[in-house]
C-alpha atoms as a PDB file:
ATOM      1  CA  UNK A   1     111.751  87.855  81.460  1.00  0.00           C
ATOM      2  CA  UNK A   2     108.961  85.766  82.945  1.00  0.00           C
ATOM      3  CA  UNK A   3     105.837  85.149  80.906  1.00  0.00           C
ATOM      4  CA  UNK A   4     102.568  83.789  82.314  1.00  0.00           C
ATOM      5  CA  UNK A   5      99.631  83.120  80.033  1.00  0.00           C
ATOM      6  CA  UNK A   6      96.174  83.932  81.425  1.00  0.00           C
ATOM      7  CA  UNK A   7      92.768  83.488  79.824  1.00  0.00           C
ATOM      8  CA  UNK A   8      89.578  85.492  80.233  1.00  0.00           C
ATOM      9  CA  UNK A   9      86.992  84.467  77.683  1.00  0.00           C
ATOM     10  CA  UNK A  10      88.737  84.858  74.334  1.00  0.00           C
ATOM     11  CA  UNK A  11      91.173  87.452  75.645  1.00  0.00           C
ATOM     12  CA  UNK A  12      94.838  86.501  75.865  1.00  0.00           C
ATOM     13  CA  UNK A  13      97.175  88.275  78.282  1.00  0.00           C
ATOM     14  CA  UNK A  14     100.869  87.983  78.919  1.00  0.00           C
ATOM     15  CA  UNK A  15     102.012  88.940  82.402  1.00  0.00           C
ATOM     16  CA  UNK A  16     105.487  90.327  81.967  1.00  0.00           C
ATOM     17  CA  UNK A  17     108.274  91.316  84.340  1.00  0.00           C
ATOM     18  CA  UNK A  18     110.852  93.424  82.513  1.00  0.00           C
ATOM     19  CA  UNK A  19     113.975  95.237  83.599  1.00  0.00           C
ATOM     20  CA  UNK A  20     113.911  97.443  80.553  1.00  0.00           C
ATOM     21  CA  UNK A  21     116.846  98.157  78.306  1.00  0.00           C
ATOM     22  CA  UNK A  22     116.613 101.537  76.622  1.00  0.00           C
ATOM     23  CA  UNK A  23     118.146 100.061  73.457  1.00  0.00           C
ATOM     24  CA  UNK A  24     115.542  97.346  72.987  1.00  0.00           C
ATOM     25  CA  UNK A  25     112.397  98.106  75.021  1.00  0.00           C
ATOM     26  CA  UNK A  26     111.924 101.827  74.334  1.00  0.00           C
ATOM     27  CA  UNK A  27     111.143 103.892  71.223  1.00  0.00           C
ATOM     28  CA  UNK A  28     111.898 107.581  70.852  1.00  0.00           C
ATOM     29  CA  UNK A  29     108.727 109.537  70.059  1.00  0.00           C
ATOM     30  CA  UNK A  30     110.638 112.698  69.154  1.00  0.00           C
ATOM     31  CA  UNK A  31     113.945 114.441  69.838  1.00  0.00           C
ATOM     32  CA  UNK A  32     116.161 111.440  69.173  1.00  0.00           C
ATOM     33  CA  UNK A  33     119.142 113.765  68.714  1.00  0.00           C
ATOM     34  CA  UNK A  34     118.481 115.122  72.219  1.00  0.00           C
ATOM     35  CA  UNK A  35     118.927 111.741  73.902  1.00  0.00           C
ATOM     36  CA  UNK A  36     121.844 109.474  74.724  1.00  0.00           C
ATOM     37  CA  UNK A  37     121.704 105.883  75.943  1.00  0.00           C
ATOM     38  CA  UNK A  38     124.339 105.064  78.562  1.00  0.00           C
ATOM     39  CA  UNK A  39     125.521 102.179  80.761  1.00  0.00           C
ATOM     40  CA  UNK A  40     124.701  99.383  78.290  1.00  0.00           C
ATOM     41  CA  UNK A  41     121.112 100.524  77.936  1.00  0.00           C
ATOM     42  CA  UNK A  42     120.289 100.986  81.622  1.00  0.00           C
ATOM     43  CA  UNK A  43     120.344 104.807  81.634  1.00  0.00           C
ATOM     44  CA  UNK A  44     118.845 107.374  79.279  1.00  0.00           C
ATOM     45  CA  UNK A  45     120.005 110.998  79.156  1.00  0.00           C
ATOM     46  CA  UNK A  46     117.423 113.544  77.986  1.00  0.00           C
ATOM     47  CA  UNK A  47     118.214 117.149  77.072  1.00  0.00           C
ATOM     48  CA  UNK A  48     116.208 120.279  76.301  1.00  0.00           C
ATOM     49  CA  UNK A  49     117.234 123.425  74.428  1.00  0.00           C
ATOM     50  CA  UNK A  50     115.470 126.055  72.342  1.00  0.00           C
ATOM     51  CA  UNK A  51     115.428 123.711  69.363  1.00  0.00           C
ATOM     52  CA  UNK A  52     113.732 120.728  70.963  1.00  0.00           C
ATOM     53  CA  UNK A  53     112.977 118.600  73.956  1.00  0.00           C
ATOM     54  CA  UNK A  54     112.465 114.844  73.735  1.00  0.00           C
ATOM     55  CA  UNK A  55     110.167 111.983  74.682  1.00  0.00           C
ATOM     56  CA  UNK A  56     110.427 108.197  74.809  1.00  0.00           C
ATOM     57  CA  UNK A  57     107.765 105.497  75.101  1.00  0.00           C
ATOM     58  CA  UNK A  58     107.672 101.805  75.898  1.00  0.00           C
ATOM     59  CA  UNK A  59     107.263  99.443  72.964  1.00  0.00           C
ATOM     60  CA  UNK A  60     104.603  97.510  74.869  1.00  0.00           C
ATOM     61  CA  UNK A  61     101.269  98.551  76.323  1.00  0.00           C
ATOM     62  CA  UNK A  62     100.143  97.474  79.776  1.00  0.00           C
ATOM     63  CA  UNK A  63      96.756  96.957  81.384  1.00  0.00           C
ATOM     64  CA  UNK A  64      97.479  97.255  85.123  1.00  0.00           C
ATOM     65  CA  UNK A  65     100.930  96.874  86.585  1.00  0.00           C
ATOM     66  CA  UNK A  66     103.704  97.990  88.903  1.00  0.00           C
ATOM     67  CA  UNK A  67     106.063 100.453  87.205  1.00  0.00           C
ATOM     68  CA  UNK A  68     109.303 101.778  88.734  1.00  0.00           C
ATOM     69  CA  UNK A  69     111.768 104.343  87.384  1.00  0.00           C
ATOM     70  CA  UNK A  70     114.852 105.983  88.855  1.00  0.00           C
ATOM     71  CA  UNK A  71     115.194 109.656  87.872  1.00  0.00           C
ATOM     72  CA  UNK A  72     117.760 112.378  88.550  1.00  0.00           C
ATOM     73  CA  UNK A  73     116.275 115.765  87.794  1.00  0.00           C
ATOM     74  CA  UNK A  74     117.616 118.842  86.010  1.00  0.00           C
ATOM     75  CA  UNK A  75     120.079 120.710  88.279  1.00  0.00           C
ATOM     76  CA  UNK A  76     120.541 124.435  88.752  1.00  0.00           C
ATOM     77  CA  UNK A  77     118.068 126.977  87.409  1.00  0.00           C
ATOM     78  CA  UNK A  78     115.522 124.640  85.820  1.00  0.00           C
ATOM     79  CA  UNK A  79     112.561 127.049  86.023  1.00  0.00           C
ATOM     80  CA  UNK A  80     110.044 126.443  83.234  1.00  0.00           C
ATOM     81  CA  UNK A  81     111.253 122.938  82.428  1.00  0.00           C
ATOM     82  CA  UNK A  82     109.068 119.897  83.005  1.00  0.00           C
ATOM     83  CA  UNK A  83     110.401 116.378  83.422  1.00  0.00           C
ATOM     84  CA  UNK A  84     107.510 113.953  82.970  1.00  0.00           C
ATOM     85  CA  UNK A  85     107.112 110.239  83.681  1.00  0.00           C
ATOM     86  CA  UNK A  86     103.655 108.825  83.013  1.00  0.00           C
ATOM     87  CA  UNK A  87     101.389 106.145  81.598  1.00  0.00           C
ATOM     88  CA  UNK A  88      98.865 106.973  78.889  1.00  0.00           C
ATOM     89  CA  UNK A  89      96.513 105.274  76.471  1.00  0.00           C
ATOM     90  CA  UNK A  90      95.722 106.533  72.972  1.00  0.00           C
ATOM     91  CA  UNK A  91      92.566 108.106  71.611  1.00  0.00           C
ATOM     92  CA  UNK A  92      90.231 111.010  72.319  1.00  0.00           C
ATOM     93  CA  UNK A  93      88.935 109.366  75.540  1.00  0.00           C
ATOM     94  CA  UNK A  94      92.345 108.437  76.847  1.00  0.00           C
ATOM     95  CA  UNK A  95      93.333 107.435  80.375  1.00  0.00           C
ATOM     96  CA  UNK A  96      96.531 108.716  81.968  1.00  0.00           C
ATOM     97  CA  UNK A  97      98.459 108.822  85.249  1.00  0.00           C
ATOM     98  CA  UNK A  98     101.285 111.327  85.671  1.00  0.00           C
ATOM     99  CA  UNK A  99     104.375 112.259  87.585  1.00  0.00           C
ATOM    100  CA  UNK A 100     105.444 115.760  86.498  1.00  0.00           C
ATOM    101  CA  UNK A 101     108.502 117.432  88.016  1.00  0.00           C
ATOM    102  CA  UNK A 102     108.226 121.204  87.771  1.00  0.00           C
ATOM    103  CA  UNK A 103     111.559 123.007  87.448  1.00  0.00           C
ATOM    104  CA  UNK A 104     112.685 125.681  89.882  1.00  0.00           C
ATOM    105  CA  UNK A 105     114.936 128.659  90.365  1.00  0.00           C
ATOM    106  CA  UNK A 106     118.267 127.687  91.875  1.00  0.00           C
ATOM    107  CA  UNK A 107     117.796 127.100  95.577  1.00  0.00           C
ATOM    108  CA  UNK A 108     114.022 126.635  95.404  1.00  0.00           C
ATOM    109  CA  UNK A 109     112.570 123.147  95.869  1.00  0.00           C
ATOM    110  CA  UNK A 110     111.172 121.089  93.019  1.00  0.00           C
ATOM    111  CA  UNK A 111     107.418 120.591  92.984  1.00  0.00           C
ATOM    112  CA  UNK A 112     106.115 117.146  92.044  1.00  0.00           C
ATOM    113  CA  UNK A 113     102.689 117.139  90.429  1.00  0.00           C
ATOM    114  CA  UNK A 114     100.608 113.992  90.101  1.00  0.00           C
ATOM    115  CA  UNK A 115      97.445 113.720  88.062  1.00  0.00           C
ATOM    116  CA  UNK A 116      94.949 111.068  86.957  1.00  0.00           C
ATOM    117  CA  UNK A 117      92.863 111.149  83.782  1.00  0.00           C
ATOM    118  CA  UNK A 118      89.974 108.794  83.164  1.00  0.00           C
ATOM    119  CA  UNK A 119      88.126 108.986  79.843  1.00  0.00           C
ATOM    120  CA  UNK A 120      89.983 112.238  79.111  1.00  0.00           C
ATOM    121  CA  UNK A 121      88.787 113.861  82.350  1.00  0.00           C
ATOM    122  CA  UNK A 122      91.664 115.263  84.386  1.00  0.00           C
ATOM    123  CA  UNK A 123      91.785 118.283  86.719  1.00  0.00           C
ATOM    124  CA  UNK A 124      92.915 116.002  89.541  1.00  0.00           C
ATOM    125  CA  UNK A 125      96.272 117.596  90.290  1.00  0.00           C
ATOM    126  CA  UNK A 126      98.053 117.242  93.589  1.00  0.00           C
ATOM    127  CA  UNK A 127     101.394 118.954  94.234  1.00  0.00           C
ATOM    128  CA  UNK A 128     104.004 118.189  96.864  1.00  0.00           C
ATOM    129  CA  UNK A 129     107.530 119.218  97.765  1.00  0.00           C
ATOM    130  CA  UNK A 130     110.074 116.443  98.127  1.00  0.00           C
ATOM    131  CA  UNK A 131     111.871 115.767 101.416  1.00  0.00           C
ATOM    132  CA  UNK A 132     115.260 115.321  99.697  1.00  0.00           C
ATOM    133  CA  UNK A 133     117.324 116.938  96.950  1.00  0.00           C
ATOM    134  CA  UNK A 134     116.171 115.243  93.701  1.00  0.00           C
ATOM    135  CA  UNK A 135     119.102 116.573  91.682  1.00  0.00           C
ATOM    136  CA  UNK A 136     121.839 115.141  93.918  1.00  0.00           C
ATOM    137  CA  UNK A 137     121.123 111.497  93.156  1.00  0.00           C
ATOM    138  CA  UNK A 138     118.651 109.077  91.580  1.00  0.00           C
ATOM    139  CA  UNK A 139     115.384 108.347  93.383  1.00  0.00           C
ATOM    140  CA  UNK A 140     112.693 105.791  92.565  1.00  0.00           C
ATOM    141  CA  UNK A 141     109.255 106.948  91.406  1.00  0.00           C
ATOM    142  CA  UNK A 142     106.600 104.233  91.210  1.00  0.00           C
ATOM    143  CA  UNK A 143     103.052 103.734  90.014  1.00  0.00           C
ATOM    144  CA  UNK A 144     101.012 100.735  91.151  1.00  0.00           C
ATOM    145  CA  UNK A 145      97.841 100.396  89.079  1.00  0.00           C
ATOM    146  CA  UNK A 146      95.357  97.640  89.832  1.00  0.00           C
ATOM    147  CA  UNK A 147      91.548  97.283  89.854  1.00  0.00           C
ATOM    148  CA  UNK A 148      91.319  98.764  93.360  1.00  0.00           C
ATOM    149  CA  UNK A 149      93.600 101.776  93.241  1.00  0.00           C
ATOM    150  CA  UNK A 150      96.351 103.825  91.651  1.00  0.00           C
ATOM    151  CA  UNK A 151      99.169 104.368  94.137  1.00  0.00           C
ATOM    152  CA  UNK A 152     102.002 106.842  93.530  1.00  0.00           C
ATOM    153  CA  UNK A 153     105.156 106.267  95.593  1.00  0.00           C
ATOM    154  CA  UNK A 154     108.563 107.918  95.972  1.00  0.00           C
ATOM    155  CA  UNK A 155     111.395 105.702  97.233  1.00  0.00           C
ATOM    156  CA  UNK A 156     108.734 103.297  98.475  1.00  0.00           C
ATOM    157  CA  UNK A 157     106.847 105.990 100.408  1.00  0.00           C
ATOM    158  CA  UNK A 158     103.207 106.425  99.382  1.00  0.00           C
ATOM    159  CA  UNK A 159     102.480 110.006  98.268  1.00  0.00           C
ATOM    160  CA  UNK A 160      99.066 109.674  96.617  1.00  0.00           C
ATOM    161  CA  UNK A 161      96.223 107.221  96.163  1.00  0.00           C
ATOM    162  CA  UNK A 162      93.348 107.358  93.688  1.00  0.00           C
ATOM    163  CA  UNK A 163      90.784 104.686  94.467  1.00  0.00           C
ATOM    164  CA  UNK A 164      88.363 102.949  92.147  1.00  0.00           C
ATOM    165  CA  UNK A 165      85.132 104.739  93.042  1.00  0.00           C
ATOM    166  CA  UNK A 166      82.839 103.524  90.291  1.00  0.00           C
ATOM    167  CA  UNK A 167      80.137 103.105  92.929  1.00  0.00           C
ATOM    168  CA  UNK A 168      80.206 106.910  93.265  1.00  0.00           C
ATOM    169  CA  UNK A 169      79.912 107.390  89.512  1.00  0.00           C
ATOM    170  CA  UNK A 170      83.619 108.232  89.123  1.00  0.00           C
ATOM    171  CA  UNK A 171      85.312 106.932  85.978  1.00  0.00           C
ATOM    172  CA  UNK A 172      88.349 104.747  86.688  1.00  0.00           C
ATOM    173  CA  UNK A 173      91.120 103.694  84.275  1.00  0.00           C
ATOM    174  CA  UNK A 174      90.599  99.970  83.814  1.00  0.00           C
ATOM    175  CA  UNK A 175      89.832  99.194  80.173  1.00  0.00           C
ATOM    176  CA  UNK A 176      92.516 100.929  78.110  1.00  0.00           C
ATOM    177  CA  UNK A 177      96.067  99.632  77.864  1.00  0.00           C
ATOM    178  CA  UNK A 178      98.785 102.227  78.373  1.00  0.00           C
ATOM    179  CA  UNK A 179     102.359 102.824  77.321  1.00  0.00           C
ATOM    180  CA  UNK A 180     105.003 104.194  79.658  1.00  0.00           C
ATOM    181  CA  UNK A 181     106.419 107.581  78.686  1.00  0.00           C
ATOM    182  CA  UNK A 182     109.196 109.891  79.800  1.00  0.00           C
ATOM    183  CA  UNK A 183     109.955 113.370  78.521  1.00  0.00           C
ATOM    184  CA  UNK A 184     111.733 116.662  79.069  1.00  0.00           C
ATOM    185  CA  UNK A 185     109.995 119.707  77.620  1.00  0.00           C
ATOM    186  CA  UNK A 186     109.329 123.446  77.720  1.00  0.00           C
ATOM    187  CA  UNK A 187     106.469 124.138  80.138  1.00  0.00           C
ATOM    188  CA  UNK A 188     107.266 127.722  81.012  1.00  0.00           C
ATOM    189  CA  UNK A 189     103.750 128.865  80.095  1.00  0.00           C
ATOM    190  CA  UNK A 190     102.508 127.261  83.347  1.00  0.00           C
ATOM    191  CA  UNK A 191     105.059 125.179  85.238  1.00  0.00           C
ATOM    192  CA  UNK A 192     106.918 127.605  87.510  1.00  0.00           C
ATOM    193  CA  UNK A 193     104.734 129.940  89.589  1.00  0.00           C
ATOM    194  CA  UNK A 194     101.900 129.618  87.107  1.00  0.00           C
ATOM    195  CA  UNK A 195     104.111 130.632  84.198  1.00  0.00           C
ATOM    196  CA  UNK A 196     105.491 133.812  85.791  1.00  0.00           C
ATOM    197  CA  UNK A 197     109.052 132.478  85.668  1.00  0.00           C
ATOM    198  CA  UNK A 198     110.308 131.667  82.184  1.00  0.00           C
ATOM    199  CA  UNK A 199     113.107 129.411  81.020  1.00  0.00           C
ATOM    200  CA  UNK A 200     116.539 131.018  81.016  1.00  0.00           C
ATOM    201  CA  UNK A 201     117.791 129.589  77.750  1.00  0.00           C
ATOM    202  CA  UNK A 202     121.323 130.764  78.492  1.00  0.00           C
ATOM    203  CA  UNK A 203     121.447 127.813  80.927  1.00  0.00           C
ATOM    204  CA  UNK A 204     120.601 125.272  78.197  1.00  0.00           C
ATOM    205  CA  UNK A 205     120.966 122.455  77.557  1.00  0.00           C
ATOM    206  CA  UNK A 206     118.924 121.219  80.490  1.00  0.00           C
ATOM    207  CA  UNK A 207     119.618 117.575  81.265  1.00  0.00           C
ATOM    208  CA  UNK A 208     117.821 114.851  83.201  1.00  0.00           C
ATOM    209  CA  UNK A 209     118.526 111.123  83.537  1.00  0.00           C
ATOM    210  CA  UNK A 210     116.208 108.103  83.647  1.00  0.00           C
ATOM    211  CA  UNK A 211     117.557 104.769  84.885  1.00  0.00           C
ATOM    212  CA  UNK A 212     116.522 101.204  85.709  1.00  0.00           C
ATOM    213  CA  UNK A 213     112.983 101.174  84.363  1.00  0.00           C
ATOM    214  CA  UNK A 214     111.173  98.059  85.548  1.00  0.00           C
ATOM    215  CA  UNK A 215     107.731  96.970  84.380  1.00  0.00           C
ATOM    216  CA  UNK A 216     105.710  94.222  86.042  1.00  0.00           C
ATOM    217  CA  UNK A 217     102.446  94.401  84.172  1.00  0.00           C
ATOM    218  CA  UNK A 218      99.873  92.730  81.977  1.00  0.00           C
ATOM    219  CA  UNK A 219     100.456  92.909  78.256  1.00  0.00           C
ATOM    220  CA  UNK A 220      97.139  92.841  76.444  1.00  0.00           C
ATOM    221  CA  UNK A 221      96.019  92.821  72.834  1.00  0.00           C
ATOM    222  CA  UNK A 222      92.411  93.240  73.993  1.00  0.00           C
ATOM    223  CA  UNK A 223      91.678  96.489  75.902  1.00  0.00           C
ATOM    224  CA  UNK A 224      88.885  94.831  77.903  1.00  0.00           C
ATOM    225  CA  UNK A 225      91.076  91.996  79.172  1.00  0.00           C
ATOM    226  CA  UNK A 226      91.815  92.319  82.897  1.00  0.00           C
ATOM    227  CA  UNK A 227      92.869  88.976  84.291  1.00  0.00           C
ATOM    228  CA  UNK A 228      96.276  89.133  85.904  1.00  0.00           C
ATOM    229  CA  UNK A 229      95.285  87.812  89.292  1.00  0.00           C
ATOM    230  CA  UNK A 230      98.475  85.798  89.765  1.00  0.00           C
ATOM    231  CA  UNK A 231     100.466  88.954  90.384  1.00  0.00           C
ATOM    232  CA  UNK A 232     101.184  90.019  93.968  1.00  0.00           C
ATOM    233  CA  UNK A 233     100.132  93.617  93.286  1.00  0.00           C
ATOM    234  CA  UNK A 234      96.810  92.682  91.659  1.00  0.00           C
ATOM    235  CA  UNK A 235      94.719  92.838  94.835  1.00  0.00           C
ATOM    236  CA  UNK A 236      96.952  95.174  96.838  1.00  0.00           C
ATOM    237  CA  UNK A 237      95.222  97.870  98.871  1.00  0.00           C
ATOM    238  CA  UNK A 238      96.614 100.442 101.274  1.00  0.00           C
ATOM    239  CA  UNK A 239      98.412  99.012 104.281  1.00  0.00           C
ATOM    240  CA  UNK A 240      98.372 100.739 107.660  1.00  0.00           C
ATOM    241  CA  UNK A 241     101.968 101.829 107.036  1.00  0.00           C
ATOM    242  CA  UNK A 242     101.063 103.382 103.685  1.00  0.00           C
ATOM    243  CA  UNK A 243      98.145 105.247 105.273  1.00  0.00           C
ATOM    244  CA  UNK A 244     100.563 106.738 107.798  1.00  0.00           C
ATOM    245  CA  UNK A 245     102.954 107.667 104.998  1.00  0.00           C
ATOM    246  CA  UNK A 246     100.191 109.434 103.087  1.00  0.00           C
ATOM    247  CA  UNK A 247      99.147 111.362 106.177  1.00  0.00           C
ATOM    248  CA  UNK A 248     102.766 112.422 106.782  1.00  0.00           C
ATOM    249  CA  UNK A 249     103.345 113.517 103.184  1.00  0.00           C
ATOM    250  CA  UNK A 250     100.057 115.399 102.900  1.00  0.00           C
ATOM    251  CA  UNK A 251     100.495 117.164 106.237  1.00  0.00           C
ATOM    252  CA  UNK A 252     104.134 118.207 105.766  1.00  0.00           C
ATOM    253  CA  UNK A 253     104.699 118.515 102.014  1.00  0.00           C
ATOM    254  CA  UNK A 254     101.458 119.025 100.091  1.00  0.00           C
ATOM    255  CA  UNK A 255     101.157 122.470  98.498  1.00  0.00           C
ATOM    256  CA  UNK A 256      98.061 121.948  96.326  1.00  0.00           C
ATOM    257  CA  UNK A 257      95.139 119.508  96.309  1.00  0.00           C
ATOM    258  CA  UNK A 258      92.375 119.748  93.719  1.00  0.00           C
ATOM    259  CA  UNK A 259      89.922 118.491  96.320  1.00  0.00           C
ATOM    260  CA  UNK A 260      90.364 121.773  98.214  1.00  0.00           C
ATOM    261  CA  UNK A 261      90.177 124.063  95.167  1.00  0.00           C
ATOM    262  CA  UNK A 262      86.932 126.001  95.554  1.00  0.00           C
ATOM    263  CA  UNK A 263      87.690 128.136  92.493  1.00  0.00           C
ATOM    264  CA  UNK A 264      87.961 125.157  90.189  1.00  0.00           C
ATOM    265  CA  UNK A 265      85.063 123.370  91.902  1.00  0.00           C
ATOM    266  CA  UNK A 266      82.693 126.082  93.251  1.00  0.00           C
ATOM    267  CA  UNK A 267      79.871 123.586  93.715  1.00  0.00           C
ATOM    268  CA  UNK A 268      81.925 121.308  95.912  1.00  0.00           C
ATOM    269  CA  UNK A 269      84.759 118.831  95.325  1.00  0.00           C
ATOM    270  CA  UNK A 270      84.479 115.849  92.981  1.00  0.00           C
ATOM    271  CA  UNK A 271      82.778 112.763  94.365  1.00  0.00           C
ATOM    272  CA  UNK A 272      86.004 110.784  94.858  1.00  0.00           C
ATOM    273  CA  UNK A 273      87.558 113.379  97.175  1.00  0.00           C
ATOM    274  CA  UNK A 274      85.885 112.199 100.389  1.00  0.00           C
ATOM    275  CA  UNK A 275      86.768 108.585  99.731  1.00  0.00           C
ATOM    276  CA  UNK A 276      90.372 109.306  98.775  1.00  0.00           C
ATOM    277  CA  UNK A 277      90.886 111.741 101.636  1.00  0.00           C
ATOM    278  CA  UNK A 278      89.943 109.016 104.081  1.00  0.00           C
ATOM    279  CA  UNK A 279      92.419 106.610 102.449  1.00  0.00           C
END
């Protein structure tokens, strides 16, 4: 663990690089009896049945960072289940950034939903199919969050960007520290085909695995503290390669984009859509 002390006024920040151990760096929020820690703390097994799902959270809160997690999703008929991996702050005006993996009928592809909340305002869903089988092996799902952008990546391939567009009047998550969460839960009211396909509980327990969580972020006691400029990801913006990756993913695999939803936004898309669409 490497610690760097930074100062910004009276605010004290610790920049921390952690390869997390699920024994020591994670708390169970609920469903402890539906989890199992494996491989000396490097892997966490989550299960869901009609009694309960489960959720874990990081002990520490982060204000900006690079977060990576390997996940192997629920196999077989997982329709109605939701595996979630996200960052979130507390409070009624919370910020949040999500990966949500929406279960499927056997043989149908998983849908990956990303979303961004700022000051409790969401409705920014994008959905993609994956270009590989996410139940056959572990794959790495990453969130880079800095003052310029939030970048979602899968196995190092950029799949979504949400830029800081304060100049357009768009709220951006930058003042509330967040914990890292993972969960497996019953989402059959909405997750698979808008809730038309329900969970087949005869297939329970449903099981997913999280592995090798790494957190390179700024630990802050003061929500307004932002100085972590020594980190390589602090000023990172989209490279030409990442722009090409985004174009490829959106053209071949995107199945829903809130920016194109004229029912949800009859008066035109939110202000950030033009900026984000242009990468």
